[in-house]
PDB file of N, CA and C in Angstrom:
ATOM      1  N   MET A   1     -16.961 -60.803 -20.537  1.00  0.00           N
ATOM      2  CA  MET A   1     -15.903 -61.792 -20.539  1.00  0.00           C
ATOM      3  C   MET A   1     -14.826 -61.349 -19.560  1.00  0.00           C
ATOM      4  N   SER A   2     -14.186 -62.297 -18.940  1.00  0.00           N
ATOM      5  CA  SER A   2     -13.143 -61.956 -17.980  1.00  0.00           C
ATOM      6  C   SER A   2     -11.952 -62.888 -18.147  1.00  0.00           C
ATOM      7  N   SER A   3     -10.856 -62.475 -17.525  1.00  0.00           N
ATOM      8  CA  SER A   3      -9.626 -63.254 -17.564  1.00  0.00           C
ATOM      9  C   SER A   3      -9.189 -63.545 -16.141  1.00  0.00           C
ATOM     10  N   THR A   4      -8.336 -64.518 -16.009  1.00  0.00           N
ATOM     11  CA  THR A   4      -7.828 -64.885 -14.696  1.00  0.00           C
ATOM     12  C   THR A   4      -6.411 -64.374 -14.542  1.00  0.00           C
ATOM     13  N   LEU A   5      -6.142 -63.786 -13.377  1.00  0.00           N
ATOM     14  CA  LEU A   5      -4.810 -63.302 -13.036  1.00  0.00           C
ATOM     15  C   LEU A   5      -4.402 -63.990 -11.744  1.00  0.00           C
ATOM     16  N   THR A   6      -3.276 -64.659 -11.763  1.00  0.00           N
ATOM     17  CA  THR A   6      -2.802 -65.370 -10.587  1.00  0.00           C
ATOM     18  C   THR A   6      -1.616 -64.630 -10.003  1.00  0.00           C
ATOM     19  N   ILE A   7      -1.624 -64.446  -8.691  1.00  0.00           N
ATOM     20  CA  ILE A   7      -0.492 -63.791  -8.036  1.00  0.00           C
ATOM     21  C   ILE A   7      -0.005 -64.656  -6.878  1.00  0.00           C
ATOM     22  N   ARG A   8       1.231 -64.459  -6.504  1.00  0.00           N
ATOM     23  CA  ARG A   8       1.785 -65.160  -5.353  1.00  0.00           C
ATOM     24  C   ARG A   8       1.951 -64.144  -4.229  1.00  0.00           C
ATOM     25  N   ILE A   9       1.549 -64.564  -3.051  1.00  0.00           N
ATOM     26  CA  ILE A   9       1.738 -63.724  -1.873  1.00  0.00           C
ATOM     27  C   ILE A   9       2.413 -64.565  -0.799  1.00  0.00           C
ATOM     28  N   PRO A  10       3.098 -63.927   0.122  1.00  0.00           N
ATOM     29  CA  PRO A  10       3.733 -64.702   1.198  1.00  0.00           C
ATOM     30  C   PRO A  10       2.690 -65.449   2.042  1.00  0.00           C
ATOM     31  N   THR A  11       3.075 -66.603   2.541  1.00  0.00           N
ATOM     32  CA  THR A  11       2.178 -67.433   3.346  1.00  0.00           C
ATOM     33  C   THR A  11       1.676 -66.669   4.565  1.00  0.00           C
ATOM     34  N   GLU A  12       2.547 -65.926   5.179  1.00  0.00           N
ATOM     35  CA  GLU A  12       2.170 -65.154   6.362  1.00  0.00           C
ATOM     36  C   GLU A  12       1.062 -64.147   6.038  1.00  0.00           C
ATOM     37  N   LEU A  13       1.168 -63.503   4.896  1.00  0.00           N
ATOM     38  CA  LEU A  13       0.132 -62.560   4.485  1.00  0.00           C
ATOM     39  C   LEU A  13      -1.191 -63.281   4.255  1.00  0.00           C
ATOM     40  N   LYS A  14      -1.153 -64.440   3.657  1.00  0.00           N
ATOM     41  CA  LYS A  14      -2.364 -65.229   3.414  1.00  0.00           C
ATOM     42  C   LYS A  14      -3.050 -65.578   4.740  1.00  0.00           C
ATOM     43  N   LYS A  15      -2.258 -65.947   5.740  1.00  0.00           N
ATOM     44  CA  LYS A  15      -2.807 -66.259   7.060  1.00  0.00           C
ATOM     45  C   LYS A  15      -3.470 -65.024   7.675  1.00  0.00           C
ATOM     46  N   ARG A  16      -2.820 -63.905   7.552  1.00  0.00           N
ATOM     47  CA  ARG A  16      -3.382 -62.657   8.091  1.00  0.00           C
ATOM     48  C   ARG A  16      -4.676 -62.285   7.371  1.00  0.00           C
ATOM     49  N   MET A  17      -4.728 -62.510   6.064  1.00  0.00           N
ATOM     50  CA  MET A  17      -5.919 -62.192   5.276  1.00  0.00           C
ATOM     51  C   MET A  17      -7.114 -63.033   5.713  1.00  0.00           C
ATOM     52  N   LYS A  18      -6.868 -64.288   6.086  1.00  0.00           N
ATOM     53  CA  LYS A  18      -7.946 -65.190   6.468  1.00  0.00           C
ATOM     54  C   LYS A  18      -8.677 -64.730   7.731  1.00  0.00           C
ATOM     55  N   LYS A  19      -8.048 -63.884   8.513  1.00  0.00           N
ATOM     56  CA  LYS A  19      -8.670 -63.378   9.736  1.00  0.00           C
ATOM     57  C   LYS A  19      -9.850 -62.456   9.437  1.00  0.00           C
ATOM     58  N   PHE A  20      -9.906 -61.951   8.222  1.00  0.00           N
ATOM     59  CA  PHE A  20     -10.929 -60.987   7.853  1.00  0.00           C
ATOM     60  C   PHE A  20     -11.882 -61.591   6.823  1.00  0.00           C
ATOM     61  N   HIS A  21     -13.126 -61.286   6.980  1.00  0.00           N
ATOM     62  CA  HIS A  21     -14.138 -61.778   6.031  1.00  0.00           C
ATOM     63  C   HIS A  21     -14.279 -60.741   4.917  1.00  0.00           C
ATOM     64  N   GLU A  22     -13.348 -60.801   4.024  1.00  0.00           N
ATOM     65  CA  GLU A  22     -13.272 -59.828   2.920  1.00  0.00           C
ATOM     66  C   GLU A  22     -13.222 -60.592   1.608  1.00  0.00           C
ATOM     67  N   ARG A  23     -13.845 -60.020   0.602  1.00  0.00           N
ATOM     68  CA  ARG A  23     -13.744 -60.612  -0.739  1.00  0.00           C
ATOM     69  C   ARG A  23     -12.482 -60.038  -1.381  1.00  0.00           C
ATOM     70  N   TRP A  24     -11.377 -60.733  -1.198  1.00  0.00           N
ATOM     71  CA  TRP A  24     -10.076 -60.199  -1.606  1.00  0.00           C
ATOM     72  C   TRP A  24      -9.973 -60.030  -3.111  1.00  0.00           C
ATOM     73  N   SER A  25     -10.633 -60.870  -3.864  1.00  0.00           N
ATOM     74  CA  SER A  25     -10.583 -60.709  -5.316  1.00  0.00           C
ATOM     75  C   SER A  25     -11.222 -59.383  -5.722  1.00  0.00           C
ATOM     76  N   LYS A  26     -12.291 -59.013  -5.039  1.00  0.00           N
ATOM     77  CA  LYS A  26     -12.959 -57.743  -5.316  1.00  0.00           C
ATOM     78  C   LYS A  26     -12.046 -56.563  -4.949  1.00  0.00           C
ATOM     79  N   VAL A  27     -11.359 -56.687  -3.824  1.00  0.00           N
ATOM     80  CA  VAL A  27     -10.430 -55.630  -3.382  1.00  0.00           C
ATOM     81  C   VAL A  27      -9.308 -55.453  -4.398  1.00  0.00           C
ATOM     82  N   VAL A  28      -8.726 -56.546  -4.815  1.00  0.00           N
ATOM     83  CA  VAL A  28      -7.615 -56.496  -5.776  1.00  0.00           C
ATOM     84  C   VAL A  28      -8.100 -55.948  -7.117  1.00  0.00           C
ATOM     85  N   ARG A  29      -9.266 -56.387  -7.559  1.00  0.00           N
ATOM     86  CA  ARG A  29      -9.832 -55.903  -8.818  1.00  0.00           C
ATOM     87  C   ARG A  29     -10.015 -54.385  -8.782  1.00  0.00           C
ATOM     88  N   ARG A  30     -10.551 -53.875  -7.670  1.00  0.00           N
ATOM     89  CA  ARG A  30     -10.778 -52.444  -7.527  1.00  0.00           C
ATOM     90  C   ARG A  30      -9.450 -51.669  -7.536  1.00  0.00           C
ATOM     91  N   LEU A  31      -8.456 -52.192  -6.829  1.00  0.00           N
ATOM     92  CA  LEU A  31      -7.143 -51.540  -6.802  1.00  0.00           C
ATOM     93  C   LEU A  31      -6.494 -51.506  -8.184  1.00  0.00           C
ATOM     94  N   ILE A  32      -6.608 -52.598  -8.914  1.00  0.00           N
ATOM     95  CA  ILE A  32      -6.046 -52.642 -10.265  1.00  0.00           C
ATOM     96  C   ILE A  32      -6.760 -51.653 -11.170  1.00  0.00           C
ATOM     97  N   GLU A  33      -8.086 -51.591 -11.071  1.00  0.00           N
ATOM     98  CA  GLU A  33      -8.849 -50.632 -11.878  1.00  0.00           C
ATOM     99  C   GLU A  33      -8.422 -49.198 -11.592  1.00  0.00           C
ATOM    100  N   GLU A  34      -8.284 -48.869 -10.307  1.00  0.00           N
ATOM    101  CA  GLU A  34      -7.870 -47.515  -9.926  1.00  0.00           C
ATOM    102  C   GLU A  34      -6.487 -47.183 -10.474  1.00  0.00           C
ATOM    103  N   ARG A  35      -5.579 -48.143 -10.384  1.00  0.00           N
ATOM    104  CA  ARG A  35      -4.212 -47.906 -10.868  1.00  0.00           C
ATOM    105  C   ARG A  35      -4.188 -47.714 -12.380  1.00  0.00           C
ATOM    106  N   VAL A  36      -4.956 -48.525 -13.103  1.00  0.00           N
ATOM    107  CA  VAL A  36      -5.017 -48.399 -14.559  1.00  0.00           C
ATOM    108  C   VAL A  36      -5.588 -47.030 -14.933  1.00  0.00           C
ATOM    109  N   GLU A  37      -6.618 -46.574 -14.222  1.00  0.00           N
ATOM    110  CA  GLU A  37      -7.189 -45.251 -14.483  1.00  0.00           C
ATOM    111  C   GLU A  37      -6.163 -44.153 -14.234  1.00  0.00           C
ATOM    112  N   GLN A  38      -5.376 -44.284 -13.174  1.00  0.00           N
ATOM    113  CA  GLN A  38      -4.313 -43.310 -12.895  1.00  0.00           C
ATOM    114  C   GLN A  38      -3.299 -43.269 -14.032  1.00  0.00           C
ATOM    115  N   LEU A  39      -2.875 -44.439 -14.480  1.00  0.00           N
ATOM    116  CA  LEU A  39      -1.883 -44.512 -15.551  1.00  0.00           C
ATOM    117  C   LEU A  39      -2.431 -43.943 -16.855  1.00  0.00           C
ATOM    118  N   GLU A  40      -3.705 -44.211 -17.141  1.00  0.00           N
ATOM    119  CA  GLU A  40      -4.327 -43.660 -18.354  1.00  0.00           C
ATOM    120  C   GLU A  40      -4.392 -42.138 -18.270  1.00  0.00           C
ATOM    121  N   LEU A  41      -4.714 -41.617 -17.097  1.00  0.00           N
ATOM    122  CA  LEU A  41      -4.777 -40.168 -16.916  1.00  0.00           C
ATOM    123  C   LEU A  41      -3.392 -39.546 -17.091  1.00  0.00           C
ATOM    124  N   LEU A  42      -2.379 -40.165 -16.514  1.00  0.00           N
ATOM    125  CA  LEU A  42      -1.010 -39.661 -16.675  1.00  0.00           C
ATOM    126  C   LEU A  42      -0.591 -39.659 -18.145  1.00  0.00           C
ATOM    127  N   LYS A  43      -0.945 -40.706 -18.860  1.00  0.00           N
ATOM    128  CA  LYS A  43      -0.603 -40.780 -20.278  1.00  0.00           C
ATOM    129  C   LYS A  43      -1.298 -39.666 -21.053  1.00  0.00           C
ATOM    130  N   THR A  44      -2.562 -39.419 -20.751  1.00  0.00           N
ATOM    131  CA  THR A  44      -3.304 -38.349 -21.413  1.00  0.00           C
ATOM    132  C   THR A  44      -2.673 -36.991 -21.125  1.00  0.00           C
ATOM    133  N   ILE A  45      -2.300 -36.757 -19.883  1.00  0.00           N
ATOM    134  CA  ILE A  45      -1.659 -35.490 -19.498  1.00  0.00           C
ATOM    135  C   ILE A  45      -0.346 -35.315 -20.255  1.00  0.00           C
ATOM    136  N   GLU A  46       0.443 -36.364 -20.341  1.00  0.00           N
ATOM    137  CA  GLU A  46       1.716 -36.297 -21.065  1.00  0.00           C
ATOM    138  C   GLU A  46       1.485 -35.967 -22.544  1.00  0.00           C
ATOM    139  N   GLU A  47       0.475 -36.584 -23.140  1.00  0.00           N
ATOM    140  CA  GLU A  47       0.177 -36.321 -24.551  1.00  0.00           C
ATOM    141  C   GLU A  47      -0.265 -34.877 -24.761  1.00  0.00           C
ATOM    142  N   VAL A  48      -1.080 -34.367 -23.854  1.00  0.00           N
ATOM    143  CA  VAL A  48      -1.538 -32.978 -23.962  1.00  0.00           C
ATOM    144  C   VAL A  48      -0.361 -32.020 -23.802  1.00  0.00           C
ATOM    145  N   GLU A  49       0.505 -32.291 -22.836  1.00  0.00           N
ATOM    146  CA  GLU A  49       1.690 -31.440 -22.634  1.00  0.00           C
ATOM    147  C   GLU A  49       2.592 -31.455 -23.858  1.00  0.00           C
ATOM    148  N   GLU A  50       2.746 -32.623 -24.463  1.00  0.00           N
ATOM    149  CA  GLU A  50       3.593 -32.742 -25.649  1.00  0.00           C
ATOM    150  C   GLU A  50       3.024 -31.913 -26.796  1.00  0.00           C
ATOM    151  N   ARG A  51       1.702 -32.052 -27.004  1.00  0.00           N
ATOM    152  CA  ARG A  51       1.068 -31.271 -28.075  1.00  0.00           C
ATOM    153  C   ARG A  51       1.104 -29.780 -27.778  1.00  0.00           C
ATOM    154  N   ALA A  52       0.931 -29.403 -26.537  1.00  0.00           N
ATOM    155  CA  ALA A  52       0.952 -27.990 -26.166  1.00  0.00           C
ATOM    156  C   ALA A  52       2.358 -27.420 -26.361  1.00  0.00           C
ATOM    157  N   GLY A  53       3.362 -28.227 -26.081  1.00  0.00           N
ATOM    158  CA  GLY A  53       4.741 -27.771 -26.255  1.00  0.00           C
ATOM    159  C   GLY A  53       5.075 -27.476 -27.704  1.00  0.00           C
ATOM    160  N   LYS A  54       4.445 -28.190 -28.610  1.00  0.00           N
ATOM    161  CA  LYS A  54       4.688 -27.968 -30.035  1.00  0.00           C
ATOM    162  C   LYS A  54       4.051 -26.668 -30.517  1.00  0.00           C
ATOM    163  N   ARG A  55       3.046 -26.191 -29.778  1.00  0.00           N
ATOM    164  CA  ARG A  55       2.335 -24.981 -30.184  1.00  0.00           C
ATOM    165  C   ARG A  55       3.006 -23.696 -29.700  1.00  0.00           C
ATOM    166  N   LEU A  56       3.933 -23.817 -28.806  1.00  0.00           N
ATOM    167  CA  LEU A  56       4.565 -22.619 -28.253  1.00  0.00           C
ATOM    168  C   LEU A  56       5.373 -21.884 -29.313  1.00  0.00           C
ATOM    169  N   LEU A  57       5.268 -20.574 -29.292  1.00  0.00           N
ATOM    170  CA  LEU A  57       6.063 -19.768 -30.212  1.00  0.00           C
ATOM    171  C   LEU A  57       7.481 -19.682 -29.674  1.00  0.00           C
ATOM    172  N   LYS A  58       8.406 -19.819 -30.552  1.00  0.00           N
ATOM    173  CA  LYS A  58       9.803 -19.754 -30.136  1.00  0.00           C
ATOM    174  C   LYS A  58      10.412 -18.457 -30.658  1.00  0.00           C
ATOM    175  N   VAL A  59       9.984 -17.362 -30.017  1.00  0.00           N
ATOM    176  CA  VAL A  59      10.441 -16.042 -30.425  1.00  0.00           C
ATOM    177  C   VAL A  59      10.991 -15.340 -29.199  1.00  0.00           C
ATOM    178  N   ASP A  60      12.075 -14.639 -29.382  1.00  0.00           N
ATOM    179  CA  ASP A  60      12.662 -13.870 -28.294  1.00  0.00           C
ATOM    180  C   ASP A  60      11.808 -12.631 -28.058  1.00  0.00           C
ATOM    181  N   SER A  61      11.275 -12.482 -26.848  1.00  0.00           N
ATOM    182  CA  SER A  61      10.374 -11.372 -26.558  1.00  0.00           C
ATOM    183  C   SER A  61      11.075 -10.020 -26.663  1.00  0.00           C
ATOM    184  N   THR A  62      12.368  -9.976 -26.385  1.00  0.00           N
ATOM    185  CA  THR A  62      13.078  -8.694 -26.484  1.00  0.00           C
ATOM    186  C   THR A  62      13.095  -8.201 -27.928  1.00  0.00           C
ATOM    187  N   THR A  63      13.185  -9.126 -28.867  1.00  0.00           N
ATOM    188  CA  THR A  63      13.152  -8.750 -30.281  1.00  0.00           C
ATOM    189  C   THR A  63      11.790  -8.157 -30.639  1.00  0.00           C
ATOM    190  N   LEU A  64      10.721  -8.756 -30.165  1.00  0.00           N
ATOM    191  CA  LEU A  64       9.386  -8.242 -30.444  1.00  0.00           C
ATOM    192  C   LEU A  64       9.188  -6.852 -29.844  1.00  0.00           C
ATOM    193  N   ILE A  65       9.661  -6.660 -28.631  1.00  0.00           N
ATOM    194  CA  ILE A  65       9.525  -5.355 -27.973  1.00  0.00           C
ATOM    195  C   ILE A  65      10.307  -4.298 -28.740  1.00  0.00           C
ATOM    196  N   ARG A  66      11.526  -4.639 -29.131  1.00  0.00           N
ATOM    197  CA  ARG A  66      12.356  -3.697 -29.872  1.00  0.00           C
ATOM    198  C   ARG A  66      11.700  -3.305 -31.210  1.00  0.00           C
ATOM    199  N   GLU A  67      11.164  -4.318 -31.907  1.00  0.00           N
ATOM    200  CA  GLU A  67      10.487  -4.028 -33.200  1.00  0.00           C
ATOM    201  C   GLU A  67       9.269  -3.134 -32.979  1.00  0.00           C
ATOM    202  N   ASP A  68       8.537  -3.375 -31.931  1.00  0.00           N
ATOM    203  CA  ASP A  68       7.356  -2.552 -31.651  1.00  0.00           C
ATOM    204  C   ASP A  68       7.747  -1.123 -31.330  1.00  0.00           C
ATOM    205  N   ARG A  69       8.810  -0.931 -30.574  1.00  0.00           N
ATOM    206  CA  ARG A  69       9.261   0.422 -30.218  1.00  0.00           C
ATOM    207  C   ARG A  69       9.764   1.178 -31.438  1.00  0.00           C
ATOM    208  N   GLU A  70      10.380   0.463 -32.351  1.00  0.00           N
ATOM    209  CA  GLU A  70      10.908   1.118 -33.554  1.00  0.00           C
ATOM    210  C   GLU A  70       9.782   1.584 -34.479  1.00  0.00           C
ATOM    211  N   ARG A  71       8.632   0.951 -34.414  1.00  0.00           N
ATOM    212  CA  ARG A  71       7.501   1.368 -35.237  1.00  0.00           C
ATOM    213  C   ARG A  71       6.951   2.619 -34.656  1.00  0.00           C
TER     214      ARG A  71
END
């Protein structure tokens, strides 16, 4: 199943596009797919960073070193 997306482009651009025998809908579809994949990847990276940040120990290393030396 598919949906229709309508966009407006300047008339001058439309004239320039007509000079080329290109399937513009295919080009636009591919560009949109690539952009969505980029955004999904960025979202995944942000989620991983957020979860990783919660796992970090919040301890002062100088305190740990001092305790170890005292033992």
